[in-house]
Amino acid sequence: MIKSELIGVEVAYALPERQTLLRLKVPVGTTAEQAVQRSGLLTRHPDLDLSASKLGIFAKVVPPQRELREGDRVEIYRPLIADPKA
């Protein structure tokens, strides 16, 4: 039996009153979206609509299908509710 290689990543989500940072091991080839799903974050935050949120790695927006590397931190960005330029 071949043992698949695992990498360590983090998944982060912040609300004004609470921040969540989860560390997990995932197989090589896991995407940003898959890491969020594996993290259990969607169960902890049932109101989180992943389809309406952007994902990023270390403050840079990435597509959900971006394959992760060792040490990546997947960040879930909430939609803006106010125009920061106003």
N, C-alpha and C. Protein backbone atom coordinates (compact mmCIF):
# COMPACT_ATOMS: atom_id res chain seq x y z
N MET A 1 0.84 -1.17 0.00
CA MET A 1 0.00 0.00 0.00
C MET A 1 0.89 1.24 0.00
N ILE A 2 0.59 2.17 -0.87
CA ILE A 2 1.37 3.40 -0.98
C ILE A 2 0.78 4.44 -0.03
N LYS A 3 1.65 5.02 0.78
CA LYS A 3 1.22 6.06 1.70
C LYS A 3 1.30 7.40 0.98
N SER A 4 0.18 8.14 0.94
CA SER A 4 0.21 9.43 0.25
C SER A 4 0.93 10.46 1.10
N GLU A 5 1.62 11.36 0.45
CA GLU A 5 2.35 12.41 1.14
C GLU A 5 1.38 13.49 1.61
N LEU A 6 1.57 13.94 2.84
CA LEU A 6 0.72 14.98 3.41
C LEU A 6 1.53 16.26 3.57
N ILE A 7 0.82 17.39 3.43
CA ILE A 7 1.43 18.70 3.66
C ILE A 7 0.63 19.43 4.73
N GLY A 8 1.29 20.31 5.46
CA GLY A 8 0.62 21.10 6.49
C GLY A 8 0.18 22.44 5.93
N VAL A 9 -1.11 22.76 6.13
CA VAL A 9 -1.66 24.04 5.69
C VAL A 9 -2.55 24.60 6.79
N GLU A 10 -2.94 25.86 6.64
CA GLU A 10 -3.87 26.50 7.57
C GLU A 10 -5.05 27.03 6.78
N VAL A 11 -6.20 27.10 7.44
CA VAL A 11 -7.39 27.73 6.87
C VAL A 11 -7.83 28.80 7.85
N ALA A 12 -8.00 30.03 7.36
CA ALA A 12 -8.34 31.16 8.22
C ALA A 12 -9.63 31.83 7.75
N TYR A 13 -10.44 32.23 8.74
CA TYR A 13 -11.68 32.96 8.47
C TYR A 13 -11.89 33.93 9.61
N ALA A 14 -12.20 35.18 9.29
CA ALA A 14 -12.36 36.19 10.34
C ALA A 14 -13.70 36.90 10.21
N LEU A 15 -14.36 37.00 11.34
CA LEU A 15 -15.55 37.83 11.50
C LEU A 15 -15.15 38.98 12.41
N PRO A 16 -15.92 40.06 12.46
CA PRO A 16 -15.54 41.17 13.34
C PRO A 16 -15.34 40.74 14.79
N GLU A 17 -16.14 39.80 15.26
CA GLU A 17 -16.09 39.42 16.67
C GLU A 17 -15.32 38.13 16.95
N ARG A 18 -14.93 37.41 15.89
CA ARG A 18 -14.30 36.11 16.12
C ARG A 18 -13.44 35.71 14.92
N GLN A 19 -12.27 35.18 15.21
CA GLN A 19 -11.38 34.70 14.16
C GLN A 19 -11.16 33.20 14.36
N THR A 20 -11.05 32.50 13.24
CA THR A 20 -10.81 31.06 13.29
C THR A 20 -9.58 30.74 12.44
N LEU A 21 -8.63 30.02 13.01
CA LEU A 21 -7.45 29.57 12.29
C LEU A 21 -7.28 28.08 12.60
N LEU A 22 -7.39 27.28 11.56
CA LEU A 22 -7.31 25.82 11.72
C LEU A 22 -6.09 25.29 10.98
N ARG A 23 -5.35 24.42 11.64
CA ARG A 23 -4.21 23.76 11.01
C ARG A 23 -4.63 22.33 10.66
N LEU A 24 -4.23 21.90 9.46
CA LEU A 24 -4.57 20.54 9.07
C LEU A 24 -3.53 19.99 8.11
N LYS A 25 -3.53 18.68 8.01
CA LYS A 25 -2.68 17.96 7.06
C LYS A 25 -3.58 17.50 5.92
N VAL A 26 -3.14 17.75 4.70
CA VAL A 26 -3.92 17.37 3.52
C VAL A 26 -3.00 16.67 2.53
N PRO A 27 -3.56 15.84 1.67
CA PRO A 27 -2.72 15.18 0.66
C PRO A 27 -2.17 16.18 -0.35
N VAL A 28 -0.99 15.90 -0.86
CA VAL A 28 -0.42 16.70 -1.95
C VAL A 28 -1.45 16.72 -3.08
N GLY A 29 -1.65 17.88 -3.69
CA GLY A 29 -2.63 18.02 -4.77
C GLY A 29 -3.96 18.58 -4.32
N THR A 30 -4.13 18.77 -3.01
CA THR A 30 -5.37 19.35 -2.48
C THR A 30 -5.48 20.80 -2.92
N THR A 31 -6.69 21.21 -3.31
CA THR A 31 -6.91 22.60 -3.73
C THR A 31 -7.33 23.46 -2.54
N ALA A 32 -7.31 24.77 -2.75
CA ALA A 32 -7.72 25.71 -1.70
C ALA A 32 -9.15 25.41 -1.26
N GLU A 33 -10.04 25.20 -2.21
CA GLU A 33 -11.45 24.92 -1.88
C GLU A 33 -11.58 23.60 -1.11
N GLN A 34 -10.86 22.58 -1.52
CA GLN A 34 -10.92 21.30 -0.83
C GLN A 34 -10.41 21.41 0.60
N ALA A 35 -9.39 22.22 0.81
CA ALA A 35 -8.86 22.41 2.17
C ALA A 35 -9.91 23.06 3.07
N VAL A 36 -10.63 24.04 2.54
CA VAL A 36 -11.69 24.68 3.32
C VAL A 36 -12.75 23.64 3.68
N GLN A 37 -13.15 22.82 2.72
CA GLN A 37 -14.16 21.80 2.98
C GLN A 37 -13.66 20.77 3.99
N ARG A 38 -12.42 20.34 3.89
CA ARG A 38 -11.86 19.35 4.82
C ARG A 38 -11.67 19.90 6.23
N SER A 39 -11.51 21.22 6.34
CA SER A 39 -11.20 21.84 7.63
C SER A 39 -12.35 21.79 8.63
N GLY A 40 -13.58 21.62 8.14
CA GLY A 40 -14.74 21.66 9.02
C GLY A 40 -15.22 23.08 9.30
N LEU A 41 -14.60 24.06 8.67
CA LEU A 41 -14.96 25.46 8.89
C LEU A 41 -16.41 25.75 8.49
N LEU A 42 -16.88 25.10 7.44
CA LEU A 42 -18.26 25.34 6.99
C LEU A 42 -19.27 24.83 8.00
N THR A 43 -18.91 23.85 8.80
CA THR A 43 -19.78 23.37 9.88
C THR A 43 -19.77 24.36 11.04
N ARG A 44 -18.61 24.91 11.34
CA ARG A 44 -18.49 25.90 12.43
C ARG A 44 -19.19 27.21 12.09
N HIS A 45 -19.22 27.55 10.81
CA HIS A 45 -19.82 28.80 10.35
C HIS A 45 -20.86 28.47 9.27
N PRO A 46 -22.03 27.95 9.66
CA PRO A 46 -23.01 27.51 8.67
C PRO A 46 -23.54 28.64 7.78
N ASP A 47 -23.41 29.88 8.21
CA ASP A 47 -23.87 31.01 7.40
C ASP A 47 -22.85 31.41 6.33
N LEU A 48 -21.68 30.81 6.33
CA LEU A 48 -20.64 31.12 5.35
C LEU A 48 -21.01 30.52 4.00
N ASP A 49 -21.13 31.38 2.99
CA ASP A 49 -21.44 30.95 1.63
C ASP A 49 -20.14 30.96 0.84
N LEU A 50 -19.54 29.81 0.70
CA LEU A 50 -18.24 29.71 0.04
C LEU A 50 -18.32 30.16 -1.42
N SER A 51 -19.47 29.95 -2.06
CA SER A 51 -19.60 30.34 -3.47
C SER A 51 -19.61 31.85 -3.64
N ALA A 52 -19.93 32.60 -2.59
CA ALA A 52 -19.95 34.07 -2.66
C ALA A 52 -18.68 34.68 -2.08
N SER A 53 -17.75 33.86 -1.64
CA SER A 53 -16.53 34.35 -1.01
C SER A 53 -15.32 34.08 -1.90
N LYS A 54 -14.36 34.96 -1.83
CA LYS A 54 -13.10 34.74 -2.55
C LYS A 54 -12.13 34.04 -1.60
N LEU A 55 -11.20 33.30 -2.18
CA LEU A 55 -10.16 32.63 -1.41
C LEU A 55 -8.82 33.27 -1.74
N GLY A 56 -7.94 33.26 -0.76
CA GLY A 56 -6.60 33.81 -0.98
C GLY A 56 -5.58 32.99 -0.23
N ILE A 57 -4.33 33.21 -0.59
CA ILE A 57 -3.21 32.61 0.12
C ILE A 57 -2.26 33.76 0.46
N PHE A 58 -2.07 33.99 1.75
CA PHE A 58 -1.23 35.08 2.23
C PHE A 58 -1.57 36.40 1.54
N ALA A 59 -2.86 36.78 1.60
CA ALA A 59 -3.38 38.08 1.13
C ALA A 59 -3.39 38.26 -0.39
N LYS A 60 -3.23 37.18 -1.14
CA LYS A 60 -3.34 37.26 -2.59
C LYS A 60 -4.48 36.36 -3.03
N VAL A 61 -5.44 36.92 -3.75
CA VAL A 61 -6.59 36.15 -4.22
C VAL A 61 -6.11 35.07 -5.18
N VAL A 62 -6.66 33.87 -4.98
CA VAL A 62 -6.32 32.73 -5.84
C VAL A 62 -7.62 32.04 -6.27
N PRO A 63 -7.59 31.33 -7.40
CA PRO A 63 -8.78 30.56 -7.79
C PRO A 63 -8.99 29.40 -6.81
N PRO A 64 -10.24 28.98 -6.62
CA PRO A 64 -10.51 27.88 -5.69
C PRO A 64 -9.77 26.59 -6.05
N GLN A 65 -9.42 26.42 -7.32
CA GLN A 65 -8.77 25.18 -7.76
C GLN A 65 -7.24 25.23 -7.63
N ARG A 66 -6.72 26.28 -7.02
CA ARG A 66 -5.26 26.41 -6.83
C ARG A 66 -4.76 25.30 -5.91
N GLU A 67 -3.79 24.53 -6.37
CA GLU A 67 -3.20 23.47 -5.54
C GLU A 67 -2.32 24.09 -4.47
N LEU A 68 -2.42 23.53 -3.27
CA LEU A 68 -1.70 24.08 -2.13
C LEU A 68 -0.29 23.52 -2.03
N ARG A 69 0.55 24.30 -1.33
CA ARG A 69 1.92 23.89 -1.04
C ARG A 69 2.09 23.86 0.47
N GLU A 70 3.11 23.17 0.92
CA GLU A 70 3.43 23.10 2.35
C GLU A 70 3.49 24.51 2.93
N GLY A 71 2.77 24.72 4.05
CA GLY A 71 2.82 25.99 4.76
C GLY A 71 1.84 27.05 4.27
N ASP A 72 1.08 26.78 3.20
CA ASP A 72 0.11 27.77 2.72
C ASP A 72 -0.95 28.05 3.77
N ARG A 73 -1.42 29.28 3.80
CA ARG A 73 -2.56 29.65 4.65
C ARG A 73 -3.68 30.10 3.71
N VAL A 74 -4.75 29.31 3.65
CA VAL A 74 -5.91 29.65 2.84
C VAL A 74 -6.77 30.62 3.64
N GLU A 75 -7.07 31.76 3.06
CA GLU A 75 -7.88 32.78 3.72
C GLU A 75 -9.20 32.91 2.97
N ILE A 76 -10.28 33.00 3.73
CA ILE A 76 -11.60 33.18 3.14
C ILE A 76 -11.99 34.63 3.33
N TYR A 77 -12.22 35.32 2.20
CA TYR A 77 -12.55 36.74 2.25
C TYR A 77 -14.06 36.92 2.14
N ARG A 78 -14.62 37.62 3.12
CA ARG A 78 -16.05 37.92 3.10
C ARG A 78 -16.33 39.02 2.08
N PRO A 79 -17.52 39.01 1.47
CA PRO A 79 -17.87 40.10 0.55
C PRO A 79 -17.95 41.42 1.31
N LEU A 80 -17.53 42.50 0.66
CA LEU A 80 -17.63 43.83 1.27
C LEU A 80 -19.10 44.24 1.36
N ILE A 81 -19.47 44.85 2.48
CA ILE A 81 -20.84 45.35 2.62
C ILE A 81 -20.89 46.87 2.54
N ALA A 82 -19.72 47.50 2.48
CA ALA A 82 -19.64 48.95 2.33
C ALA A 82 -18.51 49.27 1.36
N ASP A 83 -18.65 50.36 0.64
CA ASP A 83 -17.63 50.78 -0.31
C ASP A 83 -16.49 51.46 0.45
N PRO A 84 -15.29 50.88 0.45
CA PRO A 84 -14.18 51.47 1.21
C PRO A 84 -13.73 52.82 0.65
N LYS A 85 -14.13 53.14 -0.59
CA LYS A 85 -13.74 54.41 -1.20
C LYS A 85 -14.74 55.52 -0.91
N ALA A 86 -15.85 55.18 -0.29
CA ALA A 86 -16.89 56.19 -0.03
C ALA A 86 -16.57 57.00 1.20
